[in-house]
Amino acid sequence: MEEAVPANEPNRESTGATPELGAVKRVVLKLSGESLAGEHGYGISPESLDATATGVMEAVEAGAELAVVVGGGNVFRGSQVADELGIESATADYMAMLGTVINAMALQAALERRGVETRVQSAIQIQEVAEAYIRRRAIRHLEKGRVVIFAAGTGNPFFTTDTGAALRALEIGADALLMAKNRVNGIYDKDPRLHTDAVRVRRLNYMDLLSRNLSVMDHTAATLCSGENLPIVVFDILKRGNLHRILQGEQVGSLVWSAAGRAGDKARGEAGGGGA
């Protein structure tokens, strides 16, 4: 059984290797648009962009093969705008895909300022600013030490960028899917930014994630990962060194994987069923 960690002790992280996961080499990092917006909740925060680019650079320097999937909620949230403006849902989703391209270009610029060779691949045709997504080309970029940023989700409306991240991770043979959060260091029973009694679950399996309706990723993405037994790590991207520590096999944030067994049992006895 695994220890449940209260939200008012956010830095209680084990420094030992996670026995179920260990060191990983090729990963997909899922960034929400909010993680680039920082505390403003919209637009792109220079501080958040800088912290994210620094973490990615450190991971690449450590020898990781790193792909990134970016969301676009800080630029345009399709579901919200569809309701408010009466825009057809499919159209609103395509508009949101363009927001992910904006974020991908910003991250590419920040990485290349640091000397990190980067390619943006888009699931929709936008050849003036991004390559078309081609699986074998993406893998080749990774093998050459380049960071690949996947934009525009799956390229289809009604699918989230979480699903796009899970899909790309499986396509390129990633060792894990890393779900980066903005100042939230794992999976909680409720939003730790609002509730000091929120409890973090260090490890749980896919069934826990799906049955307890924890708001870590959408169910389609979680089901894809479960079907192919792809480990998921949920962590705070803005805490310097976290990404590098995960790649070295240290326990950071929360781990979702079938090998986690029933490790979340103790936490289930102490916490309910929300997430952050």
Protein backbone atom coordinates (compact mmCIF):
# COMPACT_ATOMS: atom_id res chain seq x y z
CA MET A 1 0.00 0.00 0.00
CA GLU A 2 1.13 3.53 -0.71
CA GLU A 3 1.25 6.57 1.49
CA ALA A 4 -1.32 9.31 1.01
CA VAL A 5 0.23 12.77 1.16
CA PRO A 6 -1.71 15.82 2.40
CA ALA A 7 -1.72 18.88 0.17
CA ASN A 8 -0.10 21.03 2.86
CA GLU A 9 3.04 18.88 2.53
CA PRO A 10 3.57 19.35 -1.22
CA ASN A 11 7.31 18.65 -1.29
CA ARG A 12 7.32 15.27 0.42
CA GLU A 13 8.73 13.35 -2.53
CA SER A 14 10.70 10.15 -2.25
CA THR A 15 14.19 10.43 -3.68
CA GLY A 16 14.48 6.68 -4.27
CA ALA A 17 13.88 5.03 -7.63
CA THR A 18 10.31 4.06 -8.40
CA PRO A 19 10.48 0.25 -8.53
CA GLU A 20 7.55 -0.14 -10.93
CA LEU A 21 8.79 2.34 -13.54
CA GLY A 22 12.52 2.95 -13.26
CA ALA A 23 14.49 5.11 -15.67
CA VAL A 24 12.86 5.94 -19.00
CA LYS A 25 14.38 7.25 -22.23
CA ARG A 26 11.69 8.08 -24.79
CA VAL A 27 8.70 9.94 -23.39
CA VAL A 28 5.83 12.16 -24.44
CA LEU A 29 5.36 15.25 -22.29
CA LYS A 30 1.78 16.55 -22.27
CA LEU A 31 1.57 20.27 -21.53
CA SER A 32 -1.74 21.97 -20.93
CA GLY A 33 -2.23 25.46 -22.28
CA GLU A 34 -2.73 26.58 -18.67
CA SER A 35 0.78 25.42 -17.77
CA LEU A 36 2.15 27.97 -20.25
CA ALA A 37 -0.23 30.68 -19.05
CA GLY A 38 1.06 30.61 -15.49
CA GLU A 39 -1.09 32.26 -12.86
CA HIS A 40 -2.87 34.48 -15.39
CA GLY A 41 -4.84 31.56 -16.84
CA TYR A 42 -4.65 32.93 -20.39
CA GLY A 43 -2.00 33.90 -22.91
CA ILE A 44 1.64 32.84 -22.52
CA SER A 45 3.56 33.72 -19.37
CA PRO A 46 7.27 34.40 -20.04
CA GLU A 47 8.14 32.88 -16.65
CA SER A 48 6.17 29.66 -17.27
CA LEU A 49 7.48 29.34 -20.82
CA ASP A 50 11.03 29.83 -19.54
CA ALA A 51 10.62 27.24 -16.76
CA THR A 52 9.14 24.71 -19.15
CA ALA A 53 11.85 25.22 -21.78
CA THR A 54 14.55 24.92 -19.12
CA GLY A 55 13.12 21.62 -17.90
CA VAL A 56 12.95 20.25 -21.43
CA MET A 57 16.52 21.37 -22.15
CA GLU A 58 17.80 19.61 -19.01
CA ALA A 59 16.02 16.42 -20.04
CA VAL A 60 17.51 16.50 -23.53
CA GLU A 61 20.98 17.17 -22.16
CA ALA A 62 20.54 14.07 -19.98
CA GLY A 63 19.99 11.98 -23.12
CA ALA A 64 16.21 11.74 -23.24
CA GLU A 65 14.24 11.37 -26.46
CA LEU A 66 11.49 13.87 -25.76
CA ALA A 67 8.29 14.62 -27.64
CA VAL A 68 5.85 17.26 -26.45
CA VAL A 69 2.10 17.61 -26.97
CA VAL A 70 0.68 21.04 -26.19
CA GLY A 71 -2.86 22.04 -25.38
CA GLY A 72 -4.41 25.34 -26.37
CA GLY A 73 -6.78 26.30 -23.55
CA ASN A 74 -4.78 29.43 -22.75
CA VAL A 75 -5.41 30.73 -26.28
CA PHE A 76 -8.80 29.36 -27.23
CA ARG A 77 -11.06 26.85 -25.46
CA GLY A 78 -13.32 25.33 -28.08
CA SER A 79 -16.02 23.83 -25.86
CA GLN A 80 -16.51 27.06 -23.93
CA VAL A 81 -16.63 29.28 -27.01
CA ALA A 82 -18.99 26.91 -28.80
CA ASP A 83 -21.51 27.37 -25.98
CA GLU A 84 -21.03 31.12 -25.53
CA LEU A 85 -20.97 32.16 -29.19
CA GLY A 86 -23.13 29.45 -30.68
CA ILE A 87 -20.32 28.21 -32.95
CA GLU A 88 -20.68 24.66 -34.22
CA SER A 89 -18.67 22.27 -32.00
CA ALA A 90 -16.53 20.90 -34.83
CA THR A 91 -15.62 24.41 -35.98
CA ALA A 92 -14.77 25.47 -32.44
CA ASP A 93 -12.51 22.43 -32.04
CA TYR A 94 -10.62 23.27 -35.24
CA MET A 95 -10.18 26.82 -33.95
CA ALA A 96 -8.75 25.39 -30.71
CA MET A 97 -6.28 23.31 -32.73
CA LEU A 98 -4.84 26.55 -34.08
CA GLY A 99 -4.29 27.65 -30.49
CA THR A 100 -2.10 24.58 -29.92
CA VAL A 101 -0.02 25.56 -32.95
CA ILE A 102 0.58 29.01 -31.42
CA ASN A 103 1.79 27.38 -28.20
CA ALA A 104 3.97 24.91 -30.11
CA MET A 105 5.67 27.73 -32.00
CA ALA A 106 6.28 29.65 -28.77
CA LEU A 107 7.84 26.62 -27.10
CA GLN A 108 9.94 25.88 -30.18
CA ALA A 109 11.31 29.43 -30.14
CA ALA A 110 12.12 29.21 -26.42
CA LEU A 111 13.94 25.89 -26.89
CA GLU A 112 15.91 26.99 -29.92
CA ARG A 113 17.09 30.10 -28.03
CA ARG A 114 18.68 27.58 -25.69
CA GLY A 115 20.29 25.66 -28.53
CA VAL A 116 17.85 22.75 -28.45
CA GLU A 117 17.04 21.58 -31.98
CA THR A 118 13.28 21.34 -32.31
CA ARG A 119 10.66 20.34 -34.88
CA VAL A 120 6.95 21.13 -34.80
CA GLN A 121 4.67 18.57 -36.43
CA SER A 122 1.03 19.41 -36.92
CA ALA A 123 -1.90 17.03 -37.36
CA ILE A 124 -3.52 19.60 -39.66
CA GLN A 125 -1.82 21.01 -42.75
CA ILE A 126 -0.07 24.29 -41.94
CA GLN A 127 3.13 23.85 -43.89
CA GLU A 128 4.38 27.44 -43.58
CA VAL A 129 5.07 26.99 -39.86
CA ALA A 130 5.09 23.24 -39.16
CA GLU A 131 5.84 19.88 -40.71
CA ALA A 132 2.95 17.52 -41.35
CA TYR A 133 2.80 14.74 -38.77
CA ILE A 134 4.54 11.64 -40.11
CA ARG A 135 5.21 8.91 -37.58
CA ARG A 136 8.48 7.62 -39.00
CA ARG A 137 9.84 11.14 -39.46
CA ALA A 138 8.98 11.97 -35.85
CA ILE A 139 10.82 8.88 -34.62
CA ARG A 140 13.83 9.77 -36.74
CA HIS A 141 13.92 13.29 -35.27
CA LEU A 142 13.91 11.80 -31.77
CA GLU A 143 16.70 9.40 -32.64
CA LYS A 144 18.77 12.39 -33.78
CA GLY A 145 18.28 14.12 -30.44
CA ARG A 146 15.68 16.65 -31.58
CA VAL A 147 12.64 17.60 -29.55
CA VAL A 148 9.43 17.02 -31.49
CA ILE A 149 6.40 19.14 -30.60
CA PHE A 150 3.10 17.66 -31.75
CA ALA A 151 0.47 20.32 -32.42
CA ALA A 152 -3.24 20.23 -33.33
CA GLY A 153 -4.08 17.19 -31.22
CA THR A 154 -5.25 14.26 -33.33
CA GLY A 155 -6.33 16.59 -36.15
CA ASN A 156 -9.96 15.61 -35.55
CA PRO A 157 -12.73 17.46 -33.71
CA PHE A 158 -14.28 15.93 -30.58
CA PHE A 159 -10.93 14.54 -29.38
CA THR A 160 -8.86 16.29 -26.74
CA THR A 161 -5.13 16.92 -26.75
CA ASP A 162 -4.93 14.37 -23.90
CA THR A 163 -6.09 11.74 -26.38
CA GLY A 164 -3.63 13.15 -28.91
CA ALA A 165 -0.82 12.75 -26.38
CA ALA A 166 -1.76 9.14 -25.59
CA LEU A 167 -2.05 8.33 -29.29
CA ARG A 168 1.31 9.87 -30.20
CA ALA A 169 3.01 8.17 -27.23
CA LEU A 170 1.81 4.78 -28.44
CA GLU A 171 2.68 5.52 -32.07
CA ILE A 172 6.29 6.46 -31.34
CA GLY A 173 6.86 3.67 -28.80
CA ALA A 174 7.28 5.95 -25.77
CA ASP A 175 8.23 4.46 -22.41
CA ALA A 176 5.80 6.72 -20.55
CA LEU A 177 3.33 9.57 -20.89
CA LEU A 178 4.17 12.50 -18.60
CA MET A 179 1.19 14.68 -17.73
CA ALA A 180 2.57 18.08 -16.70
CA LYS A 181 0.50 20.20 -14.35
CA ASN A 182 0.81 23.83 -13.30
CA ARG A 183 1.85 23.86 -9.62
CA VAL A 184 -0.01 20.62 -8.85
CA ASN A 185 2.36 17.79 -8.01
CA GLY A 186 0.24 14.72 -8.64
CA ILE A 187 -3.25 13.26 -8.45
CA TYR A 188 -5.46 14.51 -5.63
CA ASP A 189 -8.95 13.72 -4.38
CA LYS A 190 -9.82 17.42 -4.80
CA ASP A 191 -8.15 20.58 -6.00
CA PRO A 192 -5.18 21.15 -3.65
CA ARG A 193 -5.04 24.79 -4.66
CA LEU A 194 -8.42 25.27 -3.00
CA HIS A 195 -8.46 22.60 -0.27
CA THR A 196 -5.63 22.22 2.25
CA ASP A 197 -6.96 18.80 3.28
CA ALA A 198 -6.64 17.40 -0.26
CA VAL A 199 -4.83 14.05 -0.37
CA ARG A 200 -2.32 13.03 -3.02
CA VAL A 201 -2.22 9.42 -4.21
CA ARG A 202 1.32 8.43 -5.14
CA ARG A 203 0.46 5.30 -7.13
CA LEU A 204 -2.71 3.80 -8.58
CA ASN A 205 -3.77 1.63 -11.48
CA TYR A 206 -5.86 2.40 -14.55
CA MET A 207 -9.02 0.97 -13.01
CA ASP A 208 -8.70 3.40 -10.10
CA LEU A 209 -8.21 6.29 -12.52
CA LEU A 210 -11.27 5.38 -14.58
CA SER A 211 -13.66 4.18 -11.90
CA ARG A 212 -12.98 7.06 -9.52
CA ASN A 213 -13.39 9.60 -12.33
CA LEU A 214 -10.19 11.42 -11.36
CA SER A 215 -9.82 14.49 -13.57
CA VAL A 216 -6.28 13.79 -14.75
CA MET A 217 -7.09 13.15 -18.40
CA ASP A 218 -10.16 12.30 -20.42
CA HIS A 219 -11.44 8.72 -20.43
CA THR A 220 -10.52 8.08 -24.06
CA ALA A 221 -6.87 8.89 -23.34
CA ALA A 222 -6.85 6.83 -20.13
CA THR A 223 -8.42 3.88 -21.93
CA LEU A 224 -5.80 4.03 -24.68
CA CYS A 225 -3.01 3.96 -22.09
CA SER A 226 -4.69 1.15 -20.18
CA GLY A 227 -5.14 -1.00 -23.28
CA GLU A 228 -1.43 -0.79 -24.13
CA ASN A 229 -0.16 -0.65 -20.52
CA LEU A 230 1.51 2.74 -21.03
CA PRO A 231 2.64 4.27 -17.70
CA ILE A 232 1.36 7.76 -16.84
CA VAL A 233 3.19 10.15 -14.52
CA VAL A 234 1.37 13.24 -13.24
CA PHE A 235 3.71 15.92 -11.88
CA ASP A 236 4.42 19.65 -11.44
CA ILE A 237 6.29 20.89 -14.52
CA LEU A 238 7.22 24.23 -12.94
CA LYS A 239 9.27 22.72 -10.12
CA ARG A 240 12.79 22.75 -11.49
CA GLY A 241 14.39 19.35 -11.93
CA ASN A 242 11.17 17.31 -11.78
CA LEU A 243 11.30 16.24 -15.42
CA HIS A 244 14.94 15.18 -15.15
CA ARG A 245 14.22 13.25 -11.93
CA ILE A 246 11.41 11.29 -13.58
CA LEU A 247 13.66 10.29 -16.44
CA GLN A 248 16.24 9.06 -13.92
CA GLY A 249 13.64 6.81 -12.29
CA GLU A 250 12.91 8.83 -9.17
CA GLN A 251 9.41 8.88 -7.72
CA VAL A 252 7.88 12.25 -8.56
CA GLY A 253 4.21 13.15 -8.43
CA SER A 254 1.78 10.28 -9.04
CA LEU A 255 2.19 7.13 -11.13
CA VAL A 256 -0.68 5.42 -12.97
CA TRP A 257 0.17 1.96 -14.31
CA SER A 258 -1.13 -1.59 -14.12
CA ALA A 259 2.05 -2.55 -12.26
CA ALA A 260 1.03 -0.17 -9.48
CA GLY A 261 -1.38 -2.92 -8.43
CA ARG A 262 -3.69 -1.86 -5.65
CA ALA A 263 -1.18 0.61 -4.24
CA GLY A 264 -3.85 3.30 -3.96
CA ASP A 265 -5.94 1.32 -1.47
CA LYS A 266 -4.80 3.24 1.59
CA ALA A 267 -5.42 6.57 -0.06
CA ARG A 268 -8.87 5.41 -1.20
CA GLY A 269 -9.73 4.83 2.43
CA GLU A 270 -8.78 8.41 3.23
CA ALA A 271 -9.96 10.30 0.18
CA GLY A 272 -12.90 10.59 -2.16
CA GLY A 273 -13.16 10.71 -5.90
CA GLY A 274 -12.26 14.05 -7.53
CA GLY A 275 -8.94 15.09 -8.99
CA ALA A 276 -6.74 17.94 -10.02
